[in-house]
């Protein structure tokens, strides 16, 4: 049996830990971008984005938006879910493991 099944994921703790490392995490997930104040502006890797400007991640609060397609979210877990086409739980576990944090309560 998969030990992950049925265990509660600590979304708040994972999101908080990820936010503390946002300046390092986001450029890895969204390469070929640049920092503009509190935001990382990059090319959306999920579509044929060719111009910087519409895809932004706020490094201070984790909120992100792709103004070109309307996708948005409130933290880096939702960003991971969007970028890697996985559900929120799987994204939280992936982010936690990437940072060496226990994902479970």
N, C-alpha and C. Protein backbone atom coordinates (compact mmCIF):
# COMPACT_ATOMS: atom_id res chain seq x y z
N UNK A 1 0.85 -1.19 0.00
CA UNK A 1 0.00 0.00 0.00
C UNK A 1 0.89 1.25 0.00
N UNK A 2 0.48 2.23 -0.72
CA UNK A 2 1.21 3.49 -0.77
C UNK A 2 1.02 4.21 0.55
N UNK A 3 2.12 4.50 1.24
CA UNK A 3 2.05 5.15 2.56
C UNK A 3 1.50 6.56 2.48
N UNK A 4 1.44 7.15 1.32
CA UNK A 4 0.94 8.52 1.17
C UNK A 4 -0.58 8.58 1.17
N UNK A 5 -1.22 7.51 0.77
CA UNK A 5 -2.68 7.52 0.65
C UNK A 5 -3.32 7.70 2.01
N UNK A 6 -4.31 8.55 2.08
CA UNK A 6 -5.07 8.74 3.30
C UNK A 6 -4.43 9.64 4.34
N UNK A 7 -3.22 10.07 4.11
CA UNK A 7 -2.56 10.96 5.08
C UNK A 7 -2.86 12.40 4.70
N UNK A 8 -3.04 13.23 5.72
CA UNK A 8 -3.35 14.64 5.49
C UNK A 8 -2.08 15.42 5.14
N UNK A 9 -2.17 16.16 4.06
CA UNK A 9 -1.06 17.00 3.62
C UNK A 9 -1.18 18.35 4.32
N UNK A 10 -0.07 18.84 4.82
CA UNK A 10 -0.04 20.13 5.52
C UNK A 10 0.22 21.25 4.49
N UNK A 11 -0.83 21.62 3.78
CA UNK A 11 -0.72 22.61 2.70
C UNK A 11 -0.17 23.94 3.20
N UNK A 12 -0.66 24.40 4.34
CA UNK A 12 -0.24 25.72 4.85
C UNK A 12 1.25 25.75 5.16
N UNK A 13 1.74 24.69 5.79
CA UNK A 13 3.17 24.65 6.14
C UNK A 13 4.04 24.57 4.89
N UNK A 14 3.61 23.78 3.93
CA UNK A 14 4.37 23.64 2.68
C UNK A 14 4.36 24.95 1.91
N UNK A 15 3.20 25.57 1.79
CA UNK A 15 3.11 26.85 1.07
C UNK A 15 3.97 27.91 1.73
N UNK A 16 3.98 27.94 3.05
CA UNK A 16 4.79 28.92 3.77
C UNK A 16 6.28 28.68 3.55
N UNK A 17 6.69 27.42 3.62
CA UNK A 17 8.10 27.09 3.40
C UNK A 17 8.52 27.43 1.97
N UNK A 18 7.65 27.13 1.01
CA UNK A 18 7.96 27.44 -0.39
C UNK A 18 8.06 28.94 -0.61
N UNK A 19 7.17 29.68 0.02
CA UNK A 19 7.20 31.13 -0.14
C UNK A 19 8.52 31.70 0.35
N UNK A 20 9.05 31.15 1.42
CA UNK A 20 10.33 31.59 1.95
C UNK A 20 11.49 31.35 0.99
N UNK A 21 11.28 30.45 0.04
CA UNK A 21 12.31 30.12 -0.95
C UNK A 21 11.88 30.48 -2.38
N UNK A 22 10.87 31.30 -2.50
CA UNK A 22 10.30 31.62 -3.81
C UNK A 22 11.32 32.18 -4.78
N UNK A 23 12.22 33.02 -4.30
CA UNK A 23 13.20 33.65 -5.20
C UNK A 23 14.14 32.62 -5.82
N UNK A 24 14.29 31.46 -5.20
CA UNK A 24 15.12 30.39 -5.76
C UNK A 24 14.29 29.39 -6.57
N UNK A 25 13.07 29.11 -6.12
CA UNK A 25 12.23 28.10 -6.75
C UNK A 25 11.65 28.58 -8.08
N UNK A 26 11.05 29.75 -8.08
CA UNK A 26 10.31 30.22 -9.26
C UNK A 26 11.19 30.32 -10.51
N UNK A 27 12.39 30.88 -10.44
CA UNK A 27 13.21 30.93 -11.66
C UNK A 27 13.56 29.54 -12.22
N UNK A 28 13.60 28.52 -11.37
CA UNK A 28 13.84 27.16 -11.87
C UNK A 28 12.63 26.64 -12.64
N UNK A 29 11.45 26.97 -12.13
CA UNK A 29 10.23 26.51 -12.78
C UNK A 29 9.87 27.35 -14.00
N UNK A 30 10.22 28.62 -13.95
CA UNK A 30 9.87 29.56 -15.03
C UNK A 30 11.18 30.21 -15.49
N UNK A 31 11.97 29.47 -16.25
CA UNK A 31 13.26 30.02 -16.69
C UNK A 31 13.08 31.11 -17.74
N UNK A 32 14.16 31.74 -18.07
CA UNK A 32 14.17 32.79 -19.11
C UNK A 32 13.29 33.97 -18.73
N UNK A 33 13.29 34.29 -17.46
CA UNK A 33 12.53 35.45 -17.00
C UNK A 33 13.45 36.43 -16.31
N UNK A 34 12.84 37.36 -15.61
CA UNK A 34 13.62 38.35 -14.87
C UNK A 34 12.79 38.85 -13.69
N UNK A 35 13.52 39.33 -12.71
CA UNK A 35 12.86 39.89 -11.54
C UNK A 35 12.55 41.35 -11.82
N UNK A 36 11.31 41.73 -11.50
CA UNK A 36 10.87 43.12 -11.59
C UNK A 36 10.23 43.46 -10.26
N UNK A 37 11.01 44.08 -9.38
CA UNK A 37 10.52 44.38 -8.04
C UNK A 37 10.23 43.11 -7.29
N UNK A 38 8.99 42.94 -6.85
CA UNK A 38 8.59 41.75 -6.09
C UNK A 38 8.13 40.61 -6.99
N UNK A 39 8.15 40.81 -8.29
CA UNK A 39 7.60 39.81 -9.20
C UNK A 39 8.68 39.17 -10.07
N UNK A 40 8.43 37.90 -10.41
CA UNK A 40 9.21 37.22 -11.42
C UNK A 40 8.35 37.22 -12.68
N UNK A 41 8.88 37.78 -13.75
CA UNK A 41 8.17 37.86 -15.02
C UNK A 41 8.88 36.91 -15.98
N UNK A 42 8.15 35.94 -16.48
CA UNK A 42 8.78 34.94 -17.34
C UNK A 42 7.86 34.48 -18.45
N UNK A 43 8.38 33.56 -19.24
CA UNK A 43 7.60 32.95 -20.30
C UNK A 43 6.86 31.76 -19.71
N UNK A 44 5.59 31.63 -20.03
CA UNK A 44 4.82 30.51 -19.52
C UNK A 44 5.28 29.24 -20.22
N UNK A 45 5.84 28.28 -19.47
CA UNK A 45 6.33 27.06 -20.10
C UNK A 45 5.23 26.12 -20.59
N UNK A 46 3.97 26.41 -20.26
CA UNK A 46 2.86 25.56 -20.71
C UNK A 46 2.28 25.94 -22.05
N UNK A 47 2.74 27.03 -22.60
CA UNK A 47 2.23 27.43 -23.91
C UNK A 47 3.37 28.07 -24.70
N UNK A 48 3.14 28.37 -25.94
CA UNK A 48 4.17 28.94 -26.81
C UNK A 48 4.39 30.42 -26.56
N UNK A 49 4.65 30.75 -25.33
CA UNK A 49 4.87 32.15 -24.93
C UNK A 49 6.17 32.65 -25.54
N UNK A 50 6.13 33.80 -26.19
CA UNK A 50 7.32 34.34 -26.83
C UNK A 50 7.74 35.71 -26.28
N UNK A 51 6.88 36.32 -25.46
CA UNK A 51 7.16 37.66 -24.96
C UNK A 51 6.93 37.73 -23.46
N UNK A 52 7.90 38.31 -22.76
CA UNK A 52 7.75 38.52 -21.33
C UNK A 52 6.64 39.53 -21.07
N UNK A 53 5.94 39.34 -19.97
CA UNK A 53 4.97 40.35 -19.57
C UNK A 53 3.66 39.81 -19.07
N UNK A 54 3.14 38.74 -19.68
CA UNK A 54 1.82 38.28 -19.26
C UNK A 54 1.86 37.25 -18.13
N UNK A 55 2.98 36.58 -17.94
CA UNK A 55 3.08 35.55 -16.91
C UNK A 55 3.94 36.06 -15.77
N UNK A 56 3.32 36.23 -14.58
CA UNK A 56 4.01 36.83 -13.45
C UNK A 56 3.74 36.04 -12.17
N UNK A 57 4.76 35.99 -11.33
CA UNK A 57 4.64 35.37 -10.01
C UNK A 57 5.13 36.37 -8.98
N UNK A 58 4.28 36.68 -8.00
CA UNK A 58 4.69 37.57 -6.93
C UNK A 58 5.52 36.77 -5.94
N UNK A 59 6.78 37.14 -5.78
CA UNK A 59 7.70 36.41 -4.92
C UNK A 59 7.47 36.69 -3.44
N UNK A 60 6.69 37.71 -3.13
CA UNK A 60 6.40 38.06 -1.73
C UNK A 60 5.19 37.33 -1.17
N UNK A 61 4.19 37.08 -2.03
CA UNK A 61 2.98 36.43 -1.52
C UNK A 61 2.61 35.14 -2.25
N UNK A 62 3.32 34.80 -3.31
CA UNK A 62 3.09 33.55 -4.03
C UNK A 62 2.00 33.59 -5.07
N UNK A 63 1.27 34.67 -5.15
CA UNK A 63 0.19 34.75 -6.15
C UNK A 63 0.80 34.83 -7.55
N UNK A 64 0.11 34.20 -8.49
CA UNK A 64 0.62 34.19 -9.86
C UNK A 64 -0.54 34.35 -10.84
N UNK A 65 -0.20 34.81 -12.04
CA UNK A 65 -1.21 35.09 -13.05
C UNK A 65 -0.61 34.97 -14.44
N UNK A 66 -1.36 34.34 -15.32
CA UNK A 66 -1.05 34.41 -16.74
C UNK A 66 -2.18 35.21 -17.38
N UNK A 67 -1.92 36.48 -17.61
CA UNK A 67 -2.94 37.37 -18.14
C UNK A 67 -3.37 36.97 -19.55
N UNK A 68 -2.55 36.23 -20.26
CA UNK A 68 -2.88 35.83 -21.62
C UNK A 68 -3.94 34.73 -21.67
N UNK A 69 -3.93 33.82 -20.68
CA UNK A 69 -4.92 32.74 -20.72
C UNK A 69 -5.84 32.69 -19.50
N UNK A 70 -5.64 33.62 -18.55
CA UNK A 70 -6.52 33.70 -17.39
C UNK A 70 -6.19 32.76 -16.25
N UNK A 71 -5.18 31.93 -16.41
CA UNK A 71 -4.79 31.03 -15.32
C UNK A 71 -4.21 31.84 -14.17
N UNK A 72 -4.54 31.44 -12.94
CA UNK A 72 -4.02 32.16 -11.78
C UNK A 72 -4.10 31.27 -10.56
N UNK A 73 -3.37 31.67 -9.52
CA UNK A 73 -3.40 30.92 -8.28
C UNK A 73 -2.87 31.75 -7.13
N UNK A 74 -3.04 31.23 -5.93
CA UNK A 74 -2.70 31.99 -4.74
C UNK A 74 -1.44 31.60 -4.03
N UNK A 75 -0.76 30.53 -4.49
CA UNK A 75 0.47 30.13 -3.81
C UNK A 75 1.32 29.29 -4.76
N UNK A 76 2.51 28.91 -4.29
CA UNK A 76 3.43 28.16 -5.14
C UNK A 76 3.01 26.71 -5.33
N UNK A 77 2.16 26.20 -4.45
CA UNK A 77 1.61 24.86 -4.66
C UNK A 77 0.71 24.87 -5.89
N UNK A 78 -0.16 25.85 -5.98
CA UNK A 78 -1.05 25.92 -7.14
C UNK A 78 -0.25 26.19 -8.42
N UNK A 79 0.85 26.94 -8.30
CA UNK A 79 1.71 27.17 -9.46
C UNK A 79 2.33 25.85 -9.91
N UNK A 80 2.82 25.05 -8.98
CA UNK A 80 3.39 23.74 -9.33
C UNK A 80 2.33 22.85 -9.98
N UNK A 81 1.12 22.84 -9.42
CA UNK A 81 0.04 22.04 -10.00
C UNK A 81 -0.22 22.46 -11.44
N UNK A 82 -0.27 23.75 -11.67
CA UNK A 82 -0.51 24.27 -13.02
C UNK A 82 0.64 23.92 -13.96
N UNK A 83 1.87 24.23 -13.56
CA UNK A 83 3.02 24.04 -14.44
C UNK A 83 3.28 22.57 -14.78
N UNK A 84 3.06 21.68 -13.80
CA UNK A 84 3.37 20.27 -14.00
C UNK A 84 2.14 19.42 -14.30
N UNK A 85 0.99 20.08 -14.46
CA UNK A 85 -0.27 19.40 -14.79
C UNK A 85 -0.58 18.25 -13.82
N UNK A 86 -0.54 18.59 -12.52
CA UNK A 86 -0.84 17.61 -11.48
C UNK A 86 -1.85 18.23 -10.52
N UNK A 87 -2.46 17.40 -9.66
CA UNK A 87 -3.44 17.96 -8.73
C UNK A 87 -2.73 18.64 -7.55
N UNK A 88 -3.51 19.35 -6.75
CA UNK A 88 -2.96 20.15 -5.65
C UNK A 88 -2.22 19.28 -4.63
N UNK A 89 -2.77 18.14 -4.29
CA UNK A 89 -2.14 17.27 -3.30
C UNK A 89 -0.78 16.78 -3.81
N UNK A 90 -0.77 16.30 -5.03
CA UNK A 90 0.49 15.83 -5.62
C UNK A 90 1.50 16.97 -5.73
N UNK A 91 1.02 18.16 -6.07
CA UNK A 91 1.91 19.32 -6.17
C UNK A 91 2.49 19.67 -4.80
N UNK A 92 1.67 19.63 -3.76
CA UNK A 92 2.15 19.93 -2.42
C UNK A 92 3.23 18.94 -1.99
N UNK A 93 3.02 17.68 -2.27
CA UNK A 93 4.01 16.66 -1.92
C UNK A 93 5.29 16.87 -2.72
N UNK A 94 5.16 17.18 -4.00
CA UNK A 94 6.33 17.43 -4.85
C UNK A 94 7.14 18.62 -4.33
N UNK A 95 6.46 19.70 -3.99
CA UNK A 95 7.13 20.91 -3.49
C UNK A 95 7.80 20.60 -2.15
N UNK A 96 7.11 19.90 -1.26
CA UNK A 96 7.67 19.56 0.05
C UNK A 96 8.93 18.71 -0.11
N UNK A 97 8.86 17.71 -0.95
CA UNK A 97 10.02 16.84 -1.16
C UNK A 97 11.18 17.59 -1.78
N UNK A 98 10.89 18.51 -2.68
CA UNK A 98 11.93 19.32 -3.31
C UNK A 98 12.69 20.13 -2.25
N UNK A 99 11.98 20.56 -1.22
CA UNK A 99 12.59 21.38 -0.17
C UNK A 99 13.07 20.56 1.03
N UNK A 100 12.82 19.26 1.03
CA UNK A 100 13.23 18.43 2.16
C UNK A 100 12.34 18.59 3.38
N UNK A 101 11.06 18.90 3.14
CA UNK A 101 10.09 19.12 4.21
C UNK A 101 9.11 17.94 4.23
N UNK A 102 8.75 17.47 5.42
CA UNK A 102 7.74 16.41 5.53
C UNK A 102 6.40 16.99 5.09
N UNK A 103 5.77 16.42 4.07
CA UNK A 103 4.52 17.00 3.56
C UNK A 103 3.29 16.69 4.40
N UNK A 104 3.41 15.79 5.35
CA UNK A 104 2.23 15.33 6.07
C UNK A 104 2.13 15.93 7.46
N UNK A 105 0.88 16.07 7.91
CA UNK A 105 0.60 16.63 9.24
C UNK A 105 1.00 15.65 10.31
